[in-house]
Amino acid sequence: QDCFVCCQSGATITCRESGCNRSFHLPCAMAGECITQYFGLYRTFCWEQRPKQEEVETPEKDTTCLICLEPVEHRLSYGTITCPACKHAWFHRSCIQ
């Protein structure tokens, strides 16, 4: 399979969404804004089929990632996510993964 991110052969991960045939390499997943879930059943989704967080309030000014303590974007995005339970803790996706 060819990776839809880097276009090289050898992609072994396929989008979990039924009917989607996109494949990618694990290292290409973040570059392609794919979601890789390592809890419960291992699941991966391409950028188009990936689950999205519900809209939440934007983080307050100077909000930092609770893992690296660096500032987060001032909006929900692929790279910035919030805790689904409390909605007040913000993280960089790269720090969580």
N, C-alpha and C. Protein backbone atom coordinates (compact mmCIF):
# COMPACT_ATOMS: atom_id res chain seq x y z
N GLN A 1 0.84 -1.19 0.00
CA GLN A 1 0.00 0.00 0.00
C GLN A 1 0.87 1.24 0.00
N ASP A 2 0.41 2.27 -0.68
CA ASP A 2 1.10 3.56 -0.65
C ASP A 2 0.52 4.43 0.46
N CYS A 3 1.38 5.13 1.16
CA CYS A 3 0.99 6.03 2.24
C CYS A 3 0.37 7.28 1.63
N PHE A 4 -0.81 7.68 2.11
CA PHE A 4 -1.46 8.87 1.55
C PHE A 4 -0.79 10.15 2.06
N VAL A 5 0.09 10.05 3.04
CA VAL A 5 0.79 11.22 3.56
C VAL A 5 2.10 11.46 2.79
N CYS A 6 2.97 10.45 2.73
CA CYS A 6 4.29 10.62 2.08
C CYS A 6 4.35 10.02 0.68
N CYS A 7 3.33 9.27 0.28
CA CYS A 7 3.22 8.65 -1.04
C CYS A 7 4.24 7.53 -1.29
N GLN A 8 4.90 7.06 -0.24
CA GLN A 8 5.85 5.96 -0.37
C GLN A 8 5.13 4.64 -0.09
N SER A 9 5.67 3.55 -0.60
CA SER A 9 5.05 2.24 -0.39
C SER A 9 5.37 1.72 1.01
N GLY A 10 4.67 0.67 1.41
CA GLY A 10 4.91 0.03 2.70
C GLY A 10 4.01 0.49 3.81
N ALA A 11 2.96 1.24 3.50
CA ALA A 11 2.03 1.69 4.53
C ALA A 11 1.22 0.49 5.02
N THR A 12 1.21 0.27 6.32
CA THR A 12 0.54 -0.91 6.86
C THR A 12 -0.67 -0.57 7.73
N ILE A 13 -0.91 0.69 8.00
CA ILE A 13 -2.04 1.09 8.84
C ILE A 13 -3.14 1.63 7.94
N THR A 14 -4.33 1.14 8.12
CA THR A 14 -5.47 1.56 7.30
C THR A 14 -6.50 2.25 8.18
N CYS A 15 -7.11 3.29 7.64
CA CYS A 15 -8.16 4.00 8.36
C CYS A 15 -9.25 3.03 8.80
N ARG A 16 -9.68 3.15 10.02
CA ARG A 16 -10.67 2.25 10.61
C ARG A 16 -12.09 2.48 10.05
N GLU A 17 -12.34 3.65 9.51
CA GLU A 17 -13.68 3.99 9.01
C GLU A 17 -14.07 3.10 7.84
N SER A 18 -15.23 2.53 7.91
CA SER A 18 -15.72 1.65 6.86
C SER A 18 -15.79 2.41 5.53
N GLY A 19 -15.25 1.83 4.49
CA GLY A 19 -15.29 2.44 3.17
C GLY A 19 -14.12 3.35 2.86
N CYS A 20 -13.30 3.66 3.86
CA CYS A 20 -12.12 4.50 3.63
C CYS A 20 -10.93 3.59 3.40
N ASN A 21 -10.24 3.79 2.30
CA ASN A 21 -9.11 2.93 1.95
C ASN A 21 -7.76 3.61 2.15
N ARG A 22 -7.72 4.74 2.84
CA ARG A 22 -6.44 5.42 3.05
C ARG A 22 -5.55 4.61 3.96
N SER A 23 -4.29 4.47 3.58
CA SER A 23 -3.29 3.78 4.38
C SER A 23 -2.14 4.73 4.65
N PHE A 24 -1.43 4.50 5.74
CA PHE A 24 -0.31 5.35 6.08
C PHE A 24 0.67 4.60 6.97
N HIS A 25 1.88 5.15 7.09
CA HIS A 25 2.89 4.64 7.99
C HIS A 25 2.62 5.25 9.37
N LEU A 26 2.93 4.55 10.43
CA LEU A 26 2.72 5.10 11.77
C LEU A 26 3.47 6.42 11.96
N PRO A 27 4.73 6.54 11.54
CA PRO A 27 5.41 7.83 11.72
C PRO A 27 4.77 8.97 10.93
N CYS A 28 4.04 8.65 9.88
CA CYS A 28 3.39 9.69 9.06
C CYS A 28 2.04 10.13 9.64
N ALA A 29 1.52 9.39 10.60
CA ALA A 29 0.18 9.65 11.13
C ALA A 29 0.03 11.08 11.63
N MET A 30 0.95 11.56 12.45
CA MET A 30 0.82 12.92 12.98
C MET A 30 1.00 13.96 11.89
N ALA A 31 1.93 13.74 10.97
CA ALA A 31 2.14 14.69 9.88
C ALA A 31 0.88 14.80 9.02
N GLY A 32 0.14 13.71 8.89
CA GLY A 32 -1.09 13.70 8.10
C GLY A 32 -2.33 14.02 8.91
N GLU A 33 -2.15 14.45 10.16
CA GLU A 33 -3.24 14.78 11.08
C GLU A 33 -4.22 13.62 11.26
N CYS A 34 -3.67 12.42 11.32
CA CYS A 34 -4.46 11.23 11.60
C CYS A 34 -4.60 11.07 13.11
N ILE A 35 -5.57 10.31 13.53
CA ILE A 35 -5.76 10.01 14.95
C ILE A 35 -5.40 8.54 15.16
N THR A 36 -4.55 8.28 16.12
CA THR A 36 -4.18 6.93 16.51
C THR A 36 -4.55 6.76 17.97
N GLN A 37 -5.46 5.84 18.26
CA GLN A 37 -5.93 5.63 19.63
C GLN A 37 -5.30 4.36 20.18
N TYR A 38 -4.60 4.51 21.29
CA TYR A 38 -3.88 3.41 21.90
C TYR A 38 -4.61 2.83 23.11
N PHE A 39 -5.86 3.15 23.31
CA PHE A 39 -6.62 2.62 24.44
C PHE A 39 -7.75 1.74 23.92
N GLY A 40 -8.20 0.78 24.74
CA GLY A 40 -9.23 -0.15 24.29
C GLY A 40 -8.74 -0.88 23.05
N LEU A 41 -9.56 -0.91 22.02
CA LEU A 41 -9.13 -1.47 20.74
C LEU A 41 -8.24 -0.45 20.04
N TYR A 42 -7.12 -0.90 19.51
CA TYR A 42 -6.24 0.00 18.75
C TYR A 42 -6.99 0.43 17.49
N ARG A 43 -7.18 1.74 17.33
CA ARG A 43 -7.88 2.26 16.16
C ARG A 43 -7.14 3.45 15.58
N THR A 44 -7.19 3.56 14.26
CA THR A 44 -6.59 4.71 13.59
C THR A 44 -7.58 5.26 12.58
N PHE A 45 -7.50 6.56 12.36
CA PHE A 45 -8.40 7.24 11.43
C PHE A 45 -7.60 8.24 10.61
N CYS A 46 -7.92 8.37 9.34
CA CYS A 46 -7.28 9.37 8.50
C CYS A 46 -7.80 10.76 8.91
N TRP A 47 -7.20 11.80 8.35
CA TRP A 47 -7.57 13.17 8.72
C TRP A 47 -9.03 13.49 8.43
N GLU A 48 -9.59 12.85 7.42
CA GLU A 48 -10.97 13.16 7.04
C GLU A 48 -11.99 12.42 7.92
N GLN A 49 -11.65 11.23 8.38
CA GLN A 49 -12.59 10.40 9.14
C GLN A 49 -12.38 10.48 10.66
N ARG A 50 -11.35 11.17 11.09
CA ARG A 50 -11.00 11.17 12.51
C ARG A 50 -12.11 11.75 13.38
N PRO A 51 -12.28 11.18 14.59
CA PRO A 51 -13.25 11.75 15.52
C PRO A 51 -12.77 13.13 15.97
N LYS A 52 -13.69 14.02 16.20
CA LYS A 52 -13.35 15.37 16.63
C LYS A 52 -13.97 15.64 18.00
N GLN A 53 -13.28 16.42 18.81
CA GLN A 53 -13.82 16.78 20.11
C GLN A 53 -15.00 17.72 19.93
N GLU A 54 -15.92 17.66 20.90
CA GLU A 54 -17.02 18.60 20.90
C GLU A 54 -16.47 20.00 21.12
N GLU A 55 -17.16 20.99 20.58
CA GLU A 55 -16.72 22.36 20.76
C GLU A 55 -16.75 22.72 22.24
N VAL A 56 -15.72 23.39 22.69
CA VAL A 56 -15.61 23.84 24.07
C VAL A 56 -15.19 25.30 24.06
N GLU A 57 -15.25 25.93 25.22
CA GLU A 57 -14.78 27.31 25.30
C GLU A 57 -13.29 27.36 24.99
N THR A 58 -12.85 28.45 24.44
CA THR A 58 -11.43 28.59 24.14
C THR A 58 -10.65 28.69 25.45
N PRO A 59 -9.40 28.26 25.42
CA PRO A 59 -8.62 28.34 26.66
C PRO A 59 -8.38 29.79 27.06
N GLU A 60 -8.23 30.00 28.34
CA GLU A 60 -7.94 31.34 28.83
C GLU A 60 -6.56 31.77 28.35
N LYS A 61 -6.31 33.06 28.35
CA LYS A 61 -5.02 33.58 27.93
C LYS A 61 -3.92 32.97 28.81
N ASP A 62 -2.80 32.65 28.19
CA ASP A 62 -1.64 32.07 28.87
C ASP A 62 -1.88 30.66 29.40
N THR A 63 -2.85 29.93 28.83
CA THR A 63 -3.06 28.53 29.22
C THR A 63 -1.91 27.70 28.68
N THR A 64 -1.41 26.79 29.52
CA THR A 64 -0.29 25.95 29.12
C THR A 64 -0.70 24.49 29.11
N CYS A 65 0.03 23.71 28.35
CA CYS A 65 -0.14 22.26 28.31
C CYS A 65 0.28 21.72 29.68
N LEU A 66 -0.52 20.85 30.26
CA LEU A 66 -0.21 20.33 31.59
C LEU A 66 0.93 19.32 31.58
N ILE A 67 1.40 18.94 30.41
CA ILE A 67 2.52 18.00 30.35
C ILE A 67 3.84 18.74 30.15
N CYS A 68 3.92 19.58 29.13
CA CYS A 68 5.19 20.27 28.84
C CYS A 68 5.26 21.69 29.39
N LEU A 69 4.12 22.21 29.84
CA LEU A 69 4.01 23.56 30.41
C LEU A 69 4.29 24.67 29.41
N GLU A 70 4.22 24.36 28.12
CA GLU A 70 4.34 25.36 27.06
C GLU A 70 2.94 25.86 26.69
N PRO A 71 2.81 27.08 26.16
CA PRO A 71 1.49 27.60 25.79
C PRO A 71 0.79 26.74 24.75
N VAL A 72 -0.53 26.69 24.82
CA VAL A 72 -1.34 25.99 23.83
C VAL A 72 -2.00 27.03 22.93
N GLU A 73 -2.48 26.58 21.76
CA GLU A 73 -3.21 27.48 20.87
C GLU A 73 -4.45 28.00 21.59
N HIS A 74 -4.96 29.10 21.14
CA HIS A 74 -6.14 29.68 21.77
C HIS A 74 -7.44 29.19 21.15
N ARG A 75 -7.38 27.95 20.67
CA ARG A 75 -8.57 27.33 20.08
C ARG A 75 -8.38 25.82 20.05
N LEU A 76 -9.47 25.10 19.93
CA LEU A 76 -9.42 23.66 19.77
C LEU A 76 -8.95 23.38 18.34
N SER A 77 -7.99 22.49 18.18
CA SER A 77 -7.47 22.17 16.86
C SER A 77 -6.91 20.77 16.89
N TYR A 78 -6.34 20.33 15.78
CA TYR A 78 -5.73 19.01 15.76
C TYR A 78 -4.60 18.94 16.78
N GLY A 79 -3.82 19.98 16.90
CA GLY A 79 -2.66 19.99 17.79
C GLY A 79 -2.96 20.35 19.22
N THR A 80 -4.15 20.89 19.50
CA THR A 80 -4.51 21.31 20.85
C THR A 80 -5.83 20.65 21.23
N ILE A 81 -5.81 19.91 22.32
CA ILE A 81 -7.01 19.22 22.77
C ILE A 81 -7.27 19.51 24.25
N THR A 82 -8.48 19.27 24.67
CA THR A 82 -8.85 19.49 26.07
C THR A 82 -9.30 18.17 26.69
N CYS A 83 -9.22 18.11 27.99
CA CYS A 83 -9.66 16.93 28.71
C CYS A 83 -11.17 16.77 28.51
N PRO A 84 -11.64 15.62 28.04
CA PRO A 84 -13.08 15.46 27.81
C PRO A 84 -13.89 15.41 29.09
N ALA A 85 -13.26 15.16 30.22
CA ALA A 85 -14.00 15.08 31.49
C ALA A 85 -14.20 16.45 32.13
N CYS A 86 -13.11 17.18 32.31
CA CYS A 86 -13.23 18.45 33.04
C CYS A 86 -13.37 19.67 32.12
N LYS A 87 -12.94 19.56 30.87
CA LYS A 87 -13.00 20.64 29.88
C LYS A 87 -12.14 21.85 30.23
N HIS A 88 -11.28 21.74 31.25
CA HIS A 88 -10.44 22.87 31.64
C HIS A 88 -8.96 22.59 31.46
N ALA A 89 -8.57 21.34 31.38
CA ALA A 89 -7.17 20.98 31.19
C ALA A 89 -6.89 20.90 29.70
N TRP A 90 -5.82 21.57 29.26
CA TRP A 90 -5.46 21.61 27.85
C TRP A 90 -4.11 20.94 27.64
N PHE A 91 -3.97 20.32 26.47
CA PHE A 91 -2.77 19.56 26.14
C PHE A 91 -2.41 19.74 24.67
N HIS A 92 -1.14 19.55 24.35
CA HIS A 92 -0.73 19.39 22.97
C HIS A 92 -0.95 17.92 22.61
N ARG A 93 -1.48 17.65 21.46
CA ARG A 93 -1.70 16.25 21.05
C ARG A 93 -0.38 15.49 21.07
N SER A 94 0.69 16.13 20.62
CA SER A 94 1.99 15.46 20.59
C SER A 94 2.45 15.09 22.00
N CYS A 95 2.10 15.85 23.01
CA CYS A 95 2.46 15.52 24.38
C CYS A 95 1.65 14.31 24.89
N ILE A 96 0.38 14.25 24.52
CA ILE A 96 -0.47 13.13 24.94
C ILE A 96 -0.03 11.86 24.26
N GLN A 97 0.25 11.91 22.96
CA GLN A 97 0.63 10.70 22.24
C GLN A 97 2.05 10.33 22.51
